[in-house]
Amino acid sequence: MSERKVLTKYYPPDFDPSKIGRQRGPKQAGPKVQTVRLMAPFSMKCLHCGEFIYKGRKFNARKETTDEKYYHIAIFRFYIRCTRCSGEITFKVDPKNMDYECERGAKRNFEPWRAAKLAEETEEERLDRLEREEAEHDAMQELETKVLDAKTEMAVADALDEIRSRNARIARADKEGVVLTDVPDPVDKKRKREEEEDAEAARKAFEGRMLPDLGEEVIDEDVADTPEETPLPVFTKKTPKTRKDAGSALGIKKKATVAALPPPQAPANPALLLAGYDSDSD
């Protein structure tokens, strides 16, 4: 069976490879273009004839390197032909959104997931928003926050100084052998005196004020002390309720009951009974 592809070539006897010269062709003007095989990156509609081209259809396209760059990433442009009218369609890569951008010759079909993604806030929009919020920041509110933080730091520092002074006093007393159970703390004494002064000022302020008349009834103490004679409650005998006959209301007749006769009573003395019997027989 002969070979389908001939791997060897015929060279005539007078073949001289040195006579073959190499010639350089003219350089290509403009951007570099090469033919590649690719698939449509998105579904589109041709604007020339209205043909729909689905995503994933294969084309022999021309690839062109543009002068645009995104963070030193090269951007390529592709040229394809419509399968119906052979109209030229152009699209390029979009590394910023990790997608492709349709330029001319076709219109990209609507994709709901892509619309939701584009509606989200981008990095540049987020930076602009933060800069705008920083410019609109209230200086007065910032000053109040700083004053509040300074007051908190001062309170914490005072508490730490108080604790350190108390610990130093206790350590000095332990070293000298003195028990500080009855020694008052000057800080606590000062605080107690201030509290007493505040309480006295509040008491004087409330004494000077007149209490409003609430319209309360004045109760005489003499009348209140003597209890009034109240009549004792009278209890009456409770009458029992008569029970209604449900059978008569429903039309049910009761059977007449025969009264039971009392049992005969035995005589107290049998001798008297015999004597009475004899007298009757006579």
Protein backbone atom coordinates (compact mmCIF):
# COMPACT_ATOMS: atom_id res chain seq x y z
CA MET A 1 0.00 0.00 0.00
CA SER A 2 1.49 3.31 -1.04
CA GLU A 3 1.97 6.15 1.34
CA ARG A 4 -0.72 8.77 1.42
CA LYS A 5 1.69 11.58 2.21
CA VAL A 6 5.06 11.68 0.51
CA LEU A 7 7.70 12.40 3.11
CA THR A 8 10.62 12.38 0.68
CA LYS A 9 11.15 14.78 -2.16
CA TYR A 10 12.97 14.35 -5.48
CA TYR A 11 16.14 16.35 -5.99
CA PRO A 12 17.59 16.37 -9.54
CA PRO A 13 21.32 15.57 -10.05
CA ASP A 14 22.17 19.13 -10.97
CA PHE A 15 20.49 20.59 -7.83
CA ASP A 16 22.65 23.27 -6.16
CA PRO A 17 21.19 24.59 -2.86
CA SER A 18 23.65 27.48 -2.79
CA LYS A 19 21.92 29.05 -5.78
CA ILE A 20 18.68 29.40 -3.79
CA GLY A 21 18.61 32.87 -2.28
CA ARG A 22 16.43 34.09 0.55
CA GLN A 23 14.32 37.14 0.00
CA ARG A 24 12.57 39.14 2.68
CA GLY A 25 9.05 40.23 1.92
CA PRO A 26 7.69 43.66 2.72
CA LYS A 27 6.84 44.31 6.36
CA GLN A 28 3.19 44.45 7.25
CA ALA A 29 2.01 47.98 7.86
CA GLY A 30 -0.20 48.66 10.84
CA PRO A 31 -1.10 46.23 13.61
CA LYS A 32 -0.15 42.59 13.38
CA VAL A 33 -2.96 40.38 12.02
CA GLN A 34 -3.11 36.60 12.07
CA THR A 35 -5.77 34.01 11.28
CA VAL A 36 -7.07 32.01 14.23
CA ARG A 37 -9.88 29.56 14.92
CA LEU A 38 -12.28 30.60 17.68
CA MET A 39 -15.82 30.26 18.96
CA ALA A 40 -18.31 33.09 19.42
CA PRO A 41 -17.92 34.29 23.04
CA PHE A 42 -21.57 35.42 23.35
CA SER A 43 -24.88 35.21 21.52
CA MET A 44 -25.39 38.05 19.06
CA LYS A 45 -27.67 39.32 16.30
CA CYS A 46 -26.28 40.47 12.97
CA LEU A 47 -27.25 44.04 12.17
CA HIS A 48 -26.98 43.49 8.40
CA CYS A 49 -29.47 40.64 7.95
CA GLY A 50 -30.86 39.94 11.45
CA GLU A 51 -29.30 36.48 11.71
CA PHE A 52 -28.84 35.15 15.26
CA ILE A 53 -25.45 33.65 16.05
CA TYR A 54 -25.42 31.50 19.14
CA LYS A 55 -22.62 31.31 21.65
CA GLY A 56 -20.00 28.67 20.87
CA ARG A 57 -20.26 28.72 17.06
CA LYS A 58 -16.87 28.26 15.40
CA PHE A 59 -15.34 30.83 13.06
CA ASN A 60 -12.12 31.43 11.17
CA ALA A 61 -11.31 34.90 12.48
CA ARG A 62 -8.60 37.48 11.99
CA LYS A 63 -6.85 38.41 15.22
CA GLU A 64 -5.45 41.92 15.57
CA THR A 65 -3.31 43.37 18.35
CA THR A 66 -4.46 46.88 19.25
CA ASP A 67 -2.50 49.70 20.80
CA GLU A 68 -4.77 49.75 23.86
CA LYS A 69 -3.67 48.16 27.11
CA TYR A 70 -5.23 47.57 30.52
CA TYR A 71 -2.58 47.39 33.27
CA HIS A 72 -0.02 46.15 30.73
CA ILE A 73 -2.49 43.54 29.43
CA ALA A 74 -2.74 43.48 25.65
CA ILE A 75 -6.21 43.91 24.12
CA PHE A 76 -7.01 41.88 20.97
CA ARG A 77 -9.63 42.55 18.32
CA PHE A 78 -11.29 39.78 16.26
CA TYR A 79 -12.97 39.98 12.84
CA ILE A 80 -15.55 37.34 11.85
CA ARG A 81 -18.12 37.02 9.06
CA CYS A 82 -21.87 36.46 9.43
CA THR A 83 -22.88 32.94 8.38
CA ARG A 84 -25.80 34.24 6.29
CA CYS A 85 -24.83 37.54 4.68
CA SER A 86 -21.03 37.45 5.23
CA GLY A 87 -21.22 40.85 6.97
CA GLU A 88 -18.16 41.74 9.00
CA ILE A 89 -18.56 41.57 12.80
CA THR A 90 -15.96 42.94 15.17
CA PHE A 91 -15.49 42.38 18.91
CA LYS A 92 -12.57 42.71 21.31
CA VAL A 93 -11.56 41.41 24.74
CA ASP A 94 -12.45 43.32 27.92
CA PRO A 95 -9.98 42.34 30.66
CA LYS A 96 -11.44 44.90 33.09
CA ASN A 97 -14.76 43.02 33.33
CA MET A 98 -13.29 39.64 32.29
CA ASP A 99 -15.57 39.54 29.27
CA TYR A 100 -15.82 40.49 25.55
CA GLU A 101 -17.14 43.73 24.08
CA CYS A 102 -19.03 43.87 20.79
CA GLU A 103 -17.88 46.80 18.63
CA ARG A 104 -19.74 46.83 15.32
CA GLY A 105 -21.64 44.64 12.88
CA ALA A 106 -23.73 42.87 15.55
CA LYS A 107 -25.67 43.45 18.74
CA ARG A 108 -25.21 41.36 21.85
CA ASN A 109 -28.32 39.56 23.13
CA PHE A 110 -29.76 40.46 26.52
CA GLU A 111 -28.44 38.36 29.40
CA PRO A 112 -30.15 38.86 32.81
CA TRP A 113 -27.20 37.57 34.85
CA ARG A 114 -24.87 40.00 33.06
CA ALA A 115 -27.24 42.92 33.72
CA ALA A 116 -27.27 42.09 37.46
CA LYS A 117 -23.48 41.92 37.48
CA LEU A 118 -23.14 45.29 35.74
CA ALA A 119 -25.59 46.84 38.22
CA GLU A 120 -23.21 46.11 41.08
CA GLU A 121 -20.86 48.78 42.30
CA THR A 122 -17.49 48.70 40.59
CA GLU A 123 -14.15 49.45 42.22
CA GLU A 124 -13.92 52.93 40.71
CA GLU A 125 -17.46 53.80 41.77
CA ARG A 126 -16.69 52.59 45.30
CA LEU A 127 -13.59 54.80 45.46
CA ASP A 128 -15.56 57.80 44.20
CA ARG A 129 -18.25 57.20 46.80
CA LEU A 130 -15.71 56.97 49.62
CA GLU A 131 -14.02 60.18 48.47
CA ARG A 132 -17.38 61.94 48.31
CA GLU A 133 -18.33 60.76 51.81
CA GLU A 134 -14.95 61.87 53.13
CA ALA A 135 -15.47 65.33 51.62
CA GLU A 136 -18.95 65.60 53.12
CA HIS A 137 -17.79 64.50 56.57
CA ASP A 138 -19.00 66.81 59.33
CA ALA A 139 -16.08 68.54 61.05
CA MET A 140 -18.18 69.40 64.13
CA GLN A 141 -19.10 65.77 64.68
CA GLU A 142 -15.44 64.80 64.41
CA LEU A 143 -14.54 67.44 67.03
CA GLU A 144 -17.21 66.15 69.42
CA THR A 145 -15.91 62.61 69.00
CA LYS A 146 -12.37 63.75 69.79
CA VAL A 147 -13.54 65.61 72.94
CA LEU A 148 -15.45 62.56 74.13
CA ASP A 149 -12.41 60.34 73.58
CA ALA A 150 -10.23 62.80 75.52
CA LYS A 151 -12.66 62.80 78.47
CA THR A 152 -12.70 59.00 78.50
CA GLU A 153 -8.90 58.86 78.49
CA MET A 154 -8.73 61.36 81.37
CA ALA A 155 -11.20 59.33 83.43
CA VAL A 156 -9.20 56.17 82.81
CA ALA A 157 -5.96 57.95 83.78
CA ASP A 158 -7.52 59.25 87.04
CA ALA A 159 -8.73 55.77 87.94
CA LEU A 160 -5.27 54.33 87.29
CA ASP A 161 -3.62 57.02 89.45
CA GLU A 162 -6.05 56.28 92.27
CA ILE A 163 -5.33 52.57 92.10
CA ARG A 164 -1.57 53.16 92.02
CA SER A 165 -1.69 55.51 95.02
CA ARG A 166 -3.77 53.03 97.01
CA ASN A 167 -1.42 50.17 96.16
CA ALA A 168 1.61 52.30 97.14
CA ARG A 169 0.00 53.25 100.47
CA ILE A 170 -0.86 49.64 101.25
CA ALA A 171 2.67 48.51 100.37
CA ARG A 172 4.19 51.23 102.58
CA ALA A 173 1.90 50.30 105.48
CA ASP A 174 2.77 46.61 105.13
CA LYS A 175 6.43 47.51 105.16
CA GLU A 176 6.05 49.59 108.35
CA GLY A 177 3.75 47.06 110.00
CA VAL A 178 0.76 49.38 110.27
CA VAL A 179 -2.77 48.13 109.71
CA LEU A 180 -4.74 50.52 107.50
CA THR A 181 -8.19 49.27 108.35
CA ASP A 182 -9.22 52.50 110.09
CA VAL A 183 -7.21 54.94 107.95
CA PRO A 184 -9.63 56.75 105.61
CA ASP A 185 -8.75 57.22 101.97
CA PRO A 186 -8.43 60.94 101.10
CA VAL A 187 -10.02 60.37 97.69
CA ASP A 188 -12.98 58.52 99.20
CA LYS A 189 -13.28 61.19 101.90
CA LYS A 190 -13.38 63.94 99.28
CA ARG A 191 -15.97 62.09 97.24
CA LYS A 192 -18.12 61.49 100.32
CA ARG A 193 -17.96 65.17 101.27
CA GLU A 194 -19.03 66.19 97.76
CA GLU A 195 -21.94 63.78 97.88
CA GLU A 196 -23.07 65.20 101.24
CA GLU A 197 -22.87 68.74 99.87
CA ASP A 198 -24.94 67.78 96.85
CA ALA A 199 -27.55 66.10 99.04
CA GLU A 200 -27.77 69.16 101.30
CA ALA A 201 -28.16 71.49 98.30
CA ALA A 202 -30.91 69.30 96.88
CA ARG A 203 -32.74 69.21 100.22
CA LYS A 204 -32.64 73.01 100.51
CA ALA A 205 -33.87 73.38 96.95
CA PHE A 206 -36.83 71.08 97.55
CA GLU A 207 -37.73 72.73 100.86
CA GLY A 208 -38.18 76.11 99.17
CA ARG A 209 -40.60 74.76 96.63
CA MET A 210 -44.33 74.63 97.38
CA LEU A 211 -45.96 71.33 96.74
CA PRO A 212 -48.98 71.58 94.40
CA ASP A 213 -52.45 71.01 95.81
CA LEU A 214 -53.56 67.62 94.60
CA GLY A 215 -57.11 68.04 95.94
CA GLU A 216 -56.81 65.28 98.50
CA GLU A 217 -59.49 64.87 101.13
CA VAL A 218 -58.56 65.87 104.70
CA ILE A 219 -59.35 63.15 107.21
CA ASP A 220 -60.17 64.08 110.79
CA GLU A 221 -58.02 62.08 113.16
CA ASP A 222 -60.69 62.01 115.95
CA VAL A 223 -63.27 60.64 113.56
CA ALA A 224 -60.80 58.21 112.10
CA ASP A 225 -59.83 56.87 115.53
CA THR A 226 -63.44 56.10 116.65
CA PRO A 227 -64.73 53.16 114.73
CA GLU A 228 -68.29 53.46 113.44
CA GLU A 229 -70.88 50.90 114.51
CA THR A 230 -71.68 48.80 111.53
CA PRO A 231 -74.79 46.54 111.56
CA LEU A 232 -74.15 42.84 111.70
CA PRO A 233 -75.05 40.93 108.58
CA VAL A 234 -78.28 38.91 108.67
CA PHE A 235 -78.06 35.39 107.26
CA THR A 236 -81.28 33.86 105.94
CA LYS A 237 -81.95 30.19 105.51
CA LYS A 238 -81.24 29.02 102.04
CA THR A 239 -84.22 27.41 100.35
CA PRO A 240 -83.41 24.34 98.29
CA LYS A 241 -84.14 24.52 94.59
CA THR A 242 -86.91 22.40 93.18
CA ARG A 243 -85.61 19.99 90.64
CA LYS A 244 -87.49 20.01 87.37
CA ASP A 245 -88.71 16.76 85.98
CA ALA A 246 -87.06 16.31 82.60
CA GLY A 247 -89.12 13.22 81.79
CA SER A 248 -92.43 15.05 81.96
CA ALA A 249 -91.06 17.77 79.70
CA LEU A 250 -90.19 15.11 77.10
CA GLY A 251 -93.55 13.30 77.48
CA ILE A 252 -92.25 10.20 79.30
CA LYS A 253 -94.69 8.63 81.77
CA LYS A 254 -93.39 6.98 84.89
CA LYS A 255 -94.77 3.64 86.10
CA ALA A 256 -96.70 3.61 89.35
CA THR A 257 -94.73 2.10 92.18
CA VAL A 258 -96.36 -0.17 94.78
CA ALA A 259 -95.70 0.82 98.34
CA ALA A 260 -93.92 -1.89 100.22
CA LEU A 261 -95.74 -3.23 103.28
CA PRO A 262 -93.92 -3.03 106.57
CA PRO A 263 -92.67 -6.38 107.87
CA PRO A 264 -94.71 -8.01 110.73
CA GLN A 265 -93.43 -7.30 114.16
CA ALA A 266 -92.80 -10.21 116.52
CA PRO A 267 -94.49 -10.00 119.95
CA ALA A 268 -92.39 -9.04 122.84
CA ASN A 269 -93.54 -12.04 125.05
CA PRO A 270 -94.61 -15.37 123.48
CA ALA A 271 -96.54 -16.35 126.63
CA LEU A 272 -98.84 -13.37 126.28
CA LEU A 273 -99.42 -14.28 122.67
CA LEU A 274 -100.51 -17.78 123.62
CA ALA A 275 -102.80 -16.48 126.32
CA GLY A 276 -104.44 -14.09 123.93
CA TYR A 277 -104.96 -16.84 121.43
CA ASP A 278 -106.70 -19.01 123.99
CA SER A 279 -109.00 -16.23 125.10
CA ASP A 280 -110.07 -15.57 121.58
CA SER A 281 -110.76 -19.21 120.90
CA ASP A 282 -113.06 -19.36 123.89
